[in-house]
Structure formats: C-alpha cells, structure tokens
C-alpha cells in the first residue's frame, strides 16, 4: 500500500479548511443551542440587543401563543425599535390574554405618550409612583408637558432627570431647550453654561447660549460667542445671522448686510437670513431692495404672514397700492387661521 506524502503547505491548507468547517458548523448549530427562554429575552432587551430579543420572543410566541408576558415584552422591544403599530398590537394581545392592567400600564403610557399624551398621562404617573427614578417615564412626562406648554410641570420632570444624573449632557440640553421655547432665558442660560463646563467642545450648547443671550437683548455678551462659533463652524450660516443681529443693534447696517449675504451663500433658502436682510433694507427705507427678498420668502413659504405684511408695507411706499391691498388681505386670512389653530391648541392644564 502506498501512502500519499503531504507537504507542509498542503498540511496547513488542510488544517485551515478543517478549522473553517468547524466554525461554520458551530455558527449553523447556534440557533439550536441558544437560550430561547423569556429570561433570555429579558436579558437581551436589558442589554439593548433588541434584534436578539425579538428573535427569541417570536420563537416563544410560536411555541406558546398565549404567553401574555412574552407579548408584553415584545411590545416593549417593538416600541424601542420605533415600530409603534406592531407594539400596540402586542400590548393589546397581552391584555386579551389576561395580563393584569397594572403590569401593562407603564408600557401603555410610554407607547402612547408621543401620540396622545392625555391618554398616556395617568399611566405614566402610576408607573412613576411604582418607581420614582424611572428615567424613561420621567422623560415621557417632561416632554409631554412641554408639548402642552405646561412649563411648570415640564420643568419639574426635566429637573428630576437632571437630579438623577447631573452630568448627563443630553438631559441638561433637553431642559435648556424647554426653557428656550418657554422664553425663560435666564434658566436656559444656566443650563447651557453648565453643559459647556462639562463638555467645552459642545457646539450646540455654545450656539444656543448665544441665541439665548440674543433673545434677552444681551448683544455684547453674545457677539464673542458667535464669533467663536463662526470659527468653529465656518460652513454654518447660524453664527453669521446672529452676528448680523449684533451689527443691527449698533446700526451698522452695511456690516449686517454683509453677514447675511455670507449666510445666504451658505444656505440660499434660509428664510431667517432672507427675512433679516429684508428688515435691514426696510430700516434704511430701501424698499426697492427689500421687495424682491420678501417675494422670494413668499415663494419659499406662501403662508409666511410676516413676509406678506412687510411686502404690503414696502409696496405701498413704492406706490403699488393695488398689490399691497391684496397682500394685506392675505395677511388677515393667515392671521385668522393662525389664531384659530392656536385657540384649538391651548394647553389643557
């Protein structure tokens, strides 16, 4: 009998293919060996391994379609994956299978908080009573009250989140943004400055601090921050628009127009820059220059009532009275529509 001699190279290749075959076998065998229990799905969800959690839950539901706890956890996983409609179906199925209402209340509140806060509010408050440091529930309550413009309650729940972890930049940013929306500039400023002490490279906090100061008419304090922001982000029109506002405050109209023109080179469709440039021309009684800018704003947004009114006023100064009257009527219609919308959108509390 003759034996085939293997060279060292051939032997290495054979060993390599053997190892590769073993890896493939282990990979293919894994689905049959992995833990597919409810605790395993809970562990995967807690570790944010949502795809694995969902795979395990789908397996469990095929084996036992009447497992209410599996359906509840599946609703939780699907919500976190932003599959709201599917999550709602899973939660409803858990309820049909006899899940106690109090056990599903937290998930119900979190699931419906963004779409119907009034429906979710009670469930969220119940969940918070069960666990006072539940950050996800605190966030849903804070954002829900902020959407209602219930600033005192929104501040309370945002502040609870900050107290739980005072070094979390994103939580302080959320509270500062709420204060800005509520025109509570002193409180917003404190948060933005604290964020910058924790994260000096945070551009968003820096530019929003500048806007906060501008809104409070503190131009001298805002200007050096805006200049720094412009150096940090030379491709952003935002600091340039702020610097133009500082120049207007000093009645340096030509300098302001230069900043705004530079901003429009970066973003030709910036209605904010266009509006501010039109105002600069109107302040100088340069109506001929303001009119085409205001017309451009209305082409970008036909429902911009402020631009319609300014354009009507500029046209009157140039003698175009008939067109000015049309725009004044348009402004009145838009104003009534906005008043009607705001009337229907008043906070419930």
Protein backbone atom coordinates (compact mmCIF):
# COMPACT_ATOMS: atom_id res chain seq x y z
CA UNK A 1 0.00 0.00 0.00
CA UNK A 2 1.31 3.45 -0.93
CA UNK A 3 0.84 6.48 1.33
CA UNK A 4 0.48 9.99 -0.10
CA UNK A 5 3.03 12.40 1.31
CA UNK A 6 1.76 15.84 2.32
CA UNK A 7 3.94 18.88 2.05
CA UNK A 8 3.90 21.38 4.97
CA UNK A 9 1.97 23.85 2.81
CA UNK A 10 -0.70 21.26 1.95
CA UNK A 11 -0.97 20.31 5.59
CA UNK A 12 -1.53 23.95 6.60
CA UNK A 13 -4.28 24.29 3.97
CA UNK A 14 -5.99 21.11 5.21
CA UNK A 15 -5.90 22.36 8.79
CA UNK A 16 -7.26 25.74 7.71
CA UNK A 17 -10.22 24.17 5.90
CA UNK A 18 -10.87 21.92 8.89
CA UNK A 19 -10.97 24.91 11.24
CA UNK A 20 -13.23 26.80 8.83
CA UNK A 21 -15.63 23.85 8.66
CA UNK A 22 -15.76 23.76 12.46
CA UNK A 23 -16.59 27.49 12.66
CA UNK A 24 -19.36 27.09 10.06
CA UNK A 25 -20.80 24.09 11.93
CA UNK A 26 -20.77 25.98 15.22
CA UNK A 27 -22.45 29.01 13.61
CA UNK A 28 -25.17 26.89 11.99
CA UNK A 29 -25.72 24.91 15.17
CA UNK A 30 -26.03 28.05 17.33
CA UNK A 31 -29.78 28.67 16.78
CA UNK A 32 -30.49 25.23 18.20
CA UNK A 33 -28.24 25.76 21.18
CA UNK A 34 -29.01 29.32 22.23
CA UNK A 35 -31.22 30.06 25.19
CA UNK A 36 -34.71 30.94 23.95
CA UNK A 37 -36.39 31.44 27.29
CA UNK A 38 -38.29 34.51 28.46
CA UNK A 39 -35.45 35.43 30.90
CA UNK A 40 -33.03 35.30 27.95
CA UNK A 41 -35.26 37.71 26.00
CA UNK A 42 -35.48 39.99 29.04
CA UNK A 43 -31.67 39.95 29.36
CA UNK A 44 -31.23 40.77 25.67
CA UNK A 45 -33.71 43.66 25.94
CA UNK A 46 -31.94 45.00 29.05
CA UNK A 47 -28.64 44.92 27.13
CA UNK A 48 -30.28 46.77 24.19
CA UNK A 49 -29.80 43.72 21.97
CA UNK A 50 -33.27 44.25 20.55
CA UNK A 51 -32.92 42.10 17.44
CA UNK A 52 -31.93 39.07 19.51
CA UNK A 53 -34.73 39.76 21.99
CA UNK A 54 -37.25 39.93 19.17
CA UNK A 55 -35.98 36.67 17.62
CA UNK A 56 -36.34 34.86 20.94
CA UNK A 57 -39.82 36.31 21.52
CA UNK A 58 -41.01 35.30 18.07
CA UNK A 59 -39.85 31.74 18.85
CA UNK A 60 -41.60 31.77 22.23
CA UNK A 61 -44.85 33.04 20.69
CA UNK A 62 -44.80 30.26 18.09
CA UNK A 63 -44.35 27.68 20.84
CA UNK A 64 -46.87 29.30 23.23
CA UNK A 65 -49.11 31.93 21.58
CA UNK A 66 -50.92 32.51 24.89
CA UNK A 67 -47.91 33.73 26.90
CA UNK A 68 -49.06 37.19 27.99
CA UNK A 69 -45.65 38.11 29.45
CA UNK A 70 -43.92 37.35 26.16
CA UNK A 71 -46.37 39.61 24.30
CA UNK A 72 -45.81 42.40 26.85
CA UNK A 73 -42.04 42.18 26.45
CA UNK A 74 -42.47 42.03 22.68
CA UNK A 75 -44.46 45.28 22.84
CA UNK A 76 -41.62 46.84 24.84
CA UNK A 77 -38.99 45.73 22.30
CA UNK A 78 -41.03 46.88 19.30
CA UNK A 79 -41.65 50.29 20.90
CA UNK A 80 -37.94 50.77 21.41
CA UNK A 81 -37.44 49.84 17.75
CA UNK A 82 -40.00 52.57 16.89
CA UNK A 83 -42.49 50.08 15.44
CA UNK A 84 -45.41 51.67 17.24
CA UNK A 85 -48.32 49.98 15.45
CA UNK A 86 -46.84 46.50 15.95
CA UNK A 87 -46.12 47.29 19.60
CA UNK A 88 -49.73 48.37 20.14
CA UNK A 89 -50.96 45.05 18.72
CA UNK A 90 -48.65 43.08 21.01
CA UNK A 91 -49.75 45.06 24.07
CA UNK A 92 -53.42 44.58 23.17
CA UNK A 93 -52.80 40.83 22.77
CA UNK A 94 -51.17 40.68 26.21
CA UNK A 95 -54.27 42.34 27.69
CA UNK A 96 -56.58 39.89 25.90
CA UNK A 97 -54.58 37.01 27.39
CA UNK A 98 -55.24 38.24 30.91
CA UNK A 99 -52.22 40.40 31.72
CA UNK A 100 -53.13 42.45 34.84
CA UNK A 101 -53.76 46.09 33.89
CA UNK A 102 -51.21 47.43 36.36
CA UNK A 103 -48.49 45.24 34.83
CA UNK A 104 -49.00 46.73 31.38
CA UNK A 105 -49.63 50.30 32.49
CA UNK A 106 -46.04 51.52 32.18
CA UNK A 107 -45.68 50.15 28.67
CA UNK A 108 -49.07 51.61 27.72
CA UNK A 109 -48.04 55.06 28.95
CA UNK A 110 -44.70 55.01 27.13
CA UNK A 111 -46.27 53.66 23.97
CA UNK A 112 -48.96 56.33 23.70
CA UNK A 113 -47.09 59.29 25.26
CA UNK A 114 -45.92 60.86 21.99
CA UNK A 115 -49.18 60.42 20.08
CA UNK A 116 -51.80 61.06 22.79
CA UNK A 117 -50.27 62.38 25.99
CA UNK A 118 -53.68 62.94 27.57
CA UNK A 119 -54.39 59.21 27.20
CA UNK A 120 -50.95 58.22 28.49
CA UNK A 121 -50.57 60.71 31.36
CA UNK A 122 -52.33 58.70 34.06
CA UNK A 123 -50.45 55.51 33.21
CA UNK A 124 -47.12 57.35 33.31
CA UNK A 125 -47.87 58.90 36.70
CA UNK A 126 -48.88 55.46 38.01
CA UNK A 127 -45.60 53.98 36.72
CA UNK A 128 -43.62 56.77 38.36
CA UNK A 129 -45.38 56.03 41.63
CA UNK A 130 -44.13 52.45 41.35
CA UNK A 131 -40.54 53.58 40.67
CA UNK A 132 -39.65 57.20 41.29
CA UNK A 133 -36.28 57.07 39.47
CA UNK A 134 -37.67 55.66 36.20
CA UNK A 135 -35.80 57.88 33.72
CA UNK A 136 -37.79 56.75 30.68
CA UNK A 137 -41.08 57.64 32.36
CA UNK A 138 -39.70 60.97 33.63
CA UNK A 139 -38.60 61.82 30.09
CA UNK A 140 -42.03 60.98 28.64
CA UNK A 141 -43.77 63.14 31.27
CA UNK A 142 -41.36 66.06 30.80
CA UNK A 143 -41.72 66.05 27.02
CA UNK A 144 -45.48 65.57 27.19
CA UNK A 145 -45.98 68.58 29.47
CA UNK A 146 -43.61 70.62 27.31
CA UNK A 147 -45.72 69.86 24.22
CA UNK A 148 -48.73 71.06 26.18
CA UNK A 149 -46.75 74.19 27.08
CA UNK A 150 -47.31 73.35 30.72
CA UNK A 151 -43.90 74.75 31.60
CA UNK A 152 -44.01 74.34 35.37
CA UNK A 153 -44.71 70.58 35.23
CA UNK A 154 -42.28 70.12 32.33
CA UNK A 155 -39.55 71.85 34.36
CA UNK A 156 -40.31 69.70 37.38
CA UNK A 157 -39.86 66.42 35.50
CA UNK A 158 -36.86 67.61 33.47
CA UNK A 159 -35.26 68.70 36.74
CA UNK A 160 -35.96 65.31 38.31
CA UNK A 161 -33.99 63.76 35.45
CA UNK A 162 -31.11 66.19 36.00
CA UNK A 163 -31.07 65.37 39.72
CA UNK A 164 -30.73 61.66 38.95
CA UNK A 165 -27.61 62.25 36.86
CA UNK A 166 -26.38 65.83 36.86
CA UNK A 167 -23.53 65.07 34.42
CA UNK A 168 -25.74 63.82 31.57
CA UNK A 169 -25.32 66.47 28.90
CA UNK A 170 -28.33 65.38 26.81
CA UNK A 171 -30.67 65.74 29.81
CA UNK A 172 -29.49 69.27 30.57
CA UNK A 173 -29.80 70.13 26.88
CA UNK A 174 -33.41 68.93 26.86
CA UNK A 175 -34.24 71.10 29.87
CA UNK A 176 -32.43 74.11 28.41
CA UNK A 177 -34.29 73.72 25.10
CA UNK A 178 -37.58 73.65 27.02
CA UNK A 179 -36.63 76.88 28.80
CA UNK A 180 -35.75 78.49 25.47
CA UNK A 181 -39.11 77.51 23.99
CA UNK A 182 -40.82 78.93 27.09
CA UNK A 183 -38.76 82.14 26.70
CA UNK A 184 -37.21 81.52 30.13
CA UNK A 185 -33.79 82.74 29.06
CA UNK A 186 -32.16 83.06 32.49
CA UNK A 187 -32.83 79.39 33.27
CA UNK A 188 -31.76 78.31 29.78
CA UNK A 189 -28.51 80.24 30.09
CA UNK A 190 -27.63 78.47 33.35
CA UNK A 191 -28.06 75.06 31.74
CA UNK A 192 -26.09 75.92 28.60
CA UNK A 193 -23.21 77.28 30.69
CA UNK A 194 -23.24 74.17 32.88
CA UNK A 195 -23.16 71.96 29.76
CA UNK A 196 -20.14 73.86 28.45
CA UNK A 197 -18.38 73.39 31.79
CA UNK A 198 -18.95 69.64 31.41
CA UNK A 199 -18.32 69.49 27.65
CA UNK A 200 -16.43 72.55 26.33
CA UNK A 201 -16.48 71.21 22.76
CA UNK A 202 -20.28 71.05 22.66
CA UNK A 203 -21.05 73.35 19.72
CA UNK A 204 -24.82 73.05 20.08
CA UNK A 205 -24.76 74.33 23.66
CA UNK A 206 -22.47 77.18 22.63
CA UNK A 207 -24.59 78.41 19.71
CA UNK A 208 -27.79 78.05 21.74
CA UNK A 209 -26.23 80.02 24.59
CA UNK A 210 -25.56 82.79 22.07
CA UNK A 211 -29.18 82.65 20.87
CA UNK A 212 -30.34 82.76 24.47
CA UNK A 213 -28.33 85.97 25.03
CA UNK A 214 -29.60 87.47 21.76
CA UNK A 215 -33.19 86.76 22.78
CA UNK A 216 -32.50 88.56 26.05
CA UNK A 217 -31.04 91.52 24.08
CA UNK A 218 -27.55 90.96 25.54
CA UNK A 219 -25.75 91.56 22.25
CA UNK A 220 -22.34 92.42 23.68
CA UNK A 221 -22.18 89.13 25.56
CA UNK A 222 -23.48 87.15 22.58
CA UNK A 223 -21.12 88.58 19.96
CA UNK A 224 -17.79 86.97 21.07
CA UNK A 225 -19.56 83.62 21.47
CA UNK A 226 -20.98 83.92 17.94
CA UNK A 227 -17.55 84.81 16.57
CA UNK A 228 -16.14 81.70 18.22
CA UNK A 229 -18.98 79.60 16.78
CA UNK A 230 -18.29 81.00 13.33
CA UNK A 231 -14.64 79.96 13.62
CA UNK A 232 -15.64 76.50 14.83
CA UNK A 233 -18.22 76.00 12.06
CA UNK A 234 -17.34 78.22 9.08
CA UNK A 235 -19.85 76.24 6.98
CA UNK A 236 -22.80 77.18 9.21
CA UNK A 237 -24.95 80.26 8.48
CA UNK A 238 -26.31 80.36 12.03
CA UNK A 239 -23.49 82.33 13.72
CA UNK A 240 -23.43 84.80 10.81
CA UNK A 241 -27.15 85.52 11.25
CA UNK A 242 -26.54 86.16 14.95
CA UNK A 243 -23.60 88.45 14.21
CA UNK A 244 -25.83 90.40 11.83
CA UNK A 245 -28.30 90.96 14.69
CA UNK A 246 -25.45 92.37 16.81
CA UNK A 247 -24.45 94.70 13.96
CA UNK A 248 -28.05 95.91 13.54
CA UNK A 249 -28.18 96.72 17.25
CA UNK A 250 -25.29 99.13 16.65
CA UNK A 251 -27.00 100.35 13.45
CA UNK A 252 -24.11 99.04 11.37
CA UNK A 253 -26.43 98.13 8.53
CA UNK A 254 -23.79 97.59 5.84
CA UNK A 255 -21.89 95.17 8.10
CA UNK A 256 -25.13 93.37 8.97
CA UNK A 257 -26.00 93.00 5.26
CA UNK A 258 -22.53 91.54 4.68
CA UNK A 259 -23.02 88.88 7.36
CA UNK A 260 -26.47 87.99 5.97
CA UNK A 261 -25.24 87.81 2.39
CA UNK A 262 -22.48 85.44 3.53
CA UNK A 263 -25.10 83.34 5.35
CA UNK A 264 -27.19 83.15 2.17
CA UNK A 265 -24.18 81.96 0.20
CA UNK A 266 -24.04 79.01 2.60
CA UNK A 267 -27.83 78.46 2.60
CA UNK A 268 -29.63 80.31 -0.24
CA UNK A 269 -33.06 79.24 1.04
CA UNK A 270 -32.64 80.36 4.65
CA UNK A 271 -35.88 82.26 5.28
CA UNK A 272 -34.43 83.57 8.54
CA UNK A 273 -31.45 85.17 6.76
CA UNK A 274 -33.71 86.46 3.98
CA UNK A 275 -36.14 87.96 6.47
CA UNK A 276 -33.36 89.65 8.45
CA UNK A 277 -31.81 91.03 5.25
CA UNK A 278 -35.20 92.42 4.20
CA UNK A 279 -35.54 94.09 7.62
CA UNK A 280 -32.08 95.68 7.23
CA UNK A 281 -33.21 97.22 3.92
CA UNK A 282 -36.56 98.33 5.39
CA UNK A 283 -34.81 100.02 8.31
CA UNK A 284 -32.84 102.03 5.77
CA UNK A 285 -36.05 102.73 3.79
CA UNK A 286 -34.53 100.89 0.83
CA UNK A 287 -37.87 99.41 -0.28
CA UNK A 288 -36.72 98.52 -3.79
CA UNK A 289 -34.07 96.18 -2.35
CA UNK A 290 -36.43 94.71 0.26
CA UNK A 291 -39.28 93.83 -2.14
CA UNK A 292 -37.57 91.06 -4.18
CA UNK A 293 -36.25 89.48 -0.96
CA UNK A 294 -39.73 89.41 0.59
CA UNK A 295 -41.17 87.99 -2.64
CA UNK A 296 -38.56 85.25 -2.52
CA UNK A 297 -39.58 84.39 1.06
CA UNK A 298 -43.21 84.03 -0.05
CA UNK A 299 -42.15 81.77 -2.91
CA UNK A 300 -40.43 79.56 -0.36
CA UNK A 301 -43.36 79.74 2.07
CA UNK A 302 -46.61 81.17 0.73
CA UNK A 303 -48.09 81.16 4.25
CA UNK A 304 -45.44 83.40 5.83
CA UNK A 305 -47.78 86.08 7.15
CA UNK A 306 -44.96 88.32 8.45
CA UNK A 307 -43.36 88.47 4.99
CA UNK A 308 -46.77 89.19 3.43
CA UNK A 309 -47.34 92.16 5.75
CA UNK A 310 -43.83 93.57 5.26
CA UNK A 311 -44.15 93.22 1.49
CA UNK A 312 -47.53 95.01 1.54
CA UNK A 313 -45.99 97.88 3.50
CA UNK A 314 -42.97 98.12 1.15
CA UNK A 315 -45.23 98.10 -1.92
CA UNK A 316 -47.32 100.94 -0.51
CA UNK A 317 -44.19 103.06 -0.14
CA UNK A 318 -43.35 102.41 -3.81
CA UNK A 319 -46.88 103.25 -4.95
CA UNK A 320 -48.08 99.71 -5.79
CA UNK A 321 -51.27 100.13 -3.75
CA UNK A 322 -53.43 97.53 -5.52
CA UNK A 323 -50.97 94.71 -4.92
CA UNK A 324 -50.39 95.96 -1.38
CA UNK A 325 -54.13 95.60 -0.65
CA UNK A 326 -54.10 92.00 -1.94
CA UNK A 327 -51.23 91.14 0.37
CA UNK A 328 -52.90 92.83 3.32
CA UNK A 329 -55.99 90.65 2.75
CA UNK A 330 -53.73 87.60 2.53
CA UNK A 331 -52.12 88.61 5.82
CA UNK A 332 -55.53 88.94 7.51
CA UNK A 333 -56.60 85.48 6.30
CA UNK A 334 -53.33 83.90 7.50
CA UNK A 335 -53.60 85.71 10.83
CA UNK A 336 -57.14 84.43 11.43
CA UNK A 337 -56.11 80.89 10.52
CA UNK A 338 -53.19 81.04 12.95
CA UNK A 339 -55.40 82.42 15.70
CA UNK A 340 -57.89 79.62 15.12
CA UNK A 341 -55.15 76.98 15.30
CA UNK A 342 -53.65 78.43 18.46
CA UNK A 343 -57.12 78.60 20.04
CA UNK A 344 -57.62 74.88 19.45
CA UNK A 345 -54.12 74.11 20.69
CA UNK A 346 -54.30 75.74 24.12
CA UNK A 347 -52.94 73.66 27.00
CA UNK A 348 -55.44 71.53 28.89
CA UNK A 349 -53.85 72.44 32.21
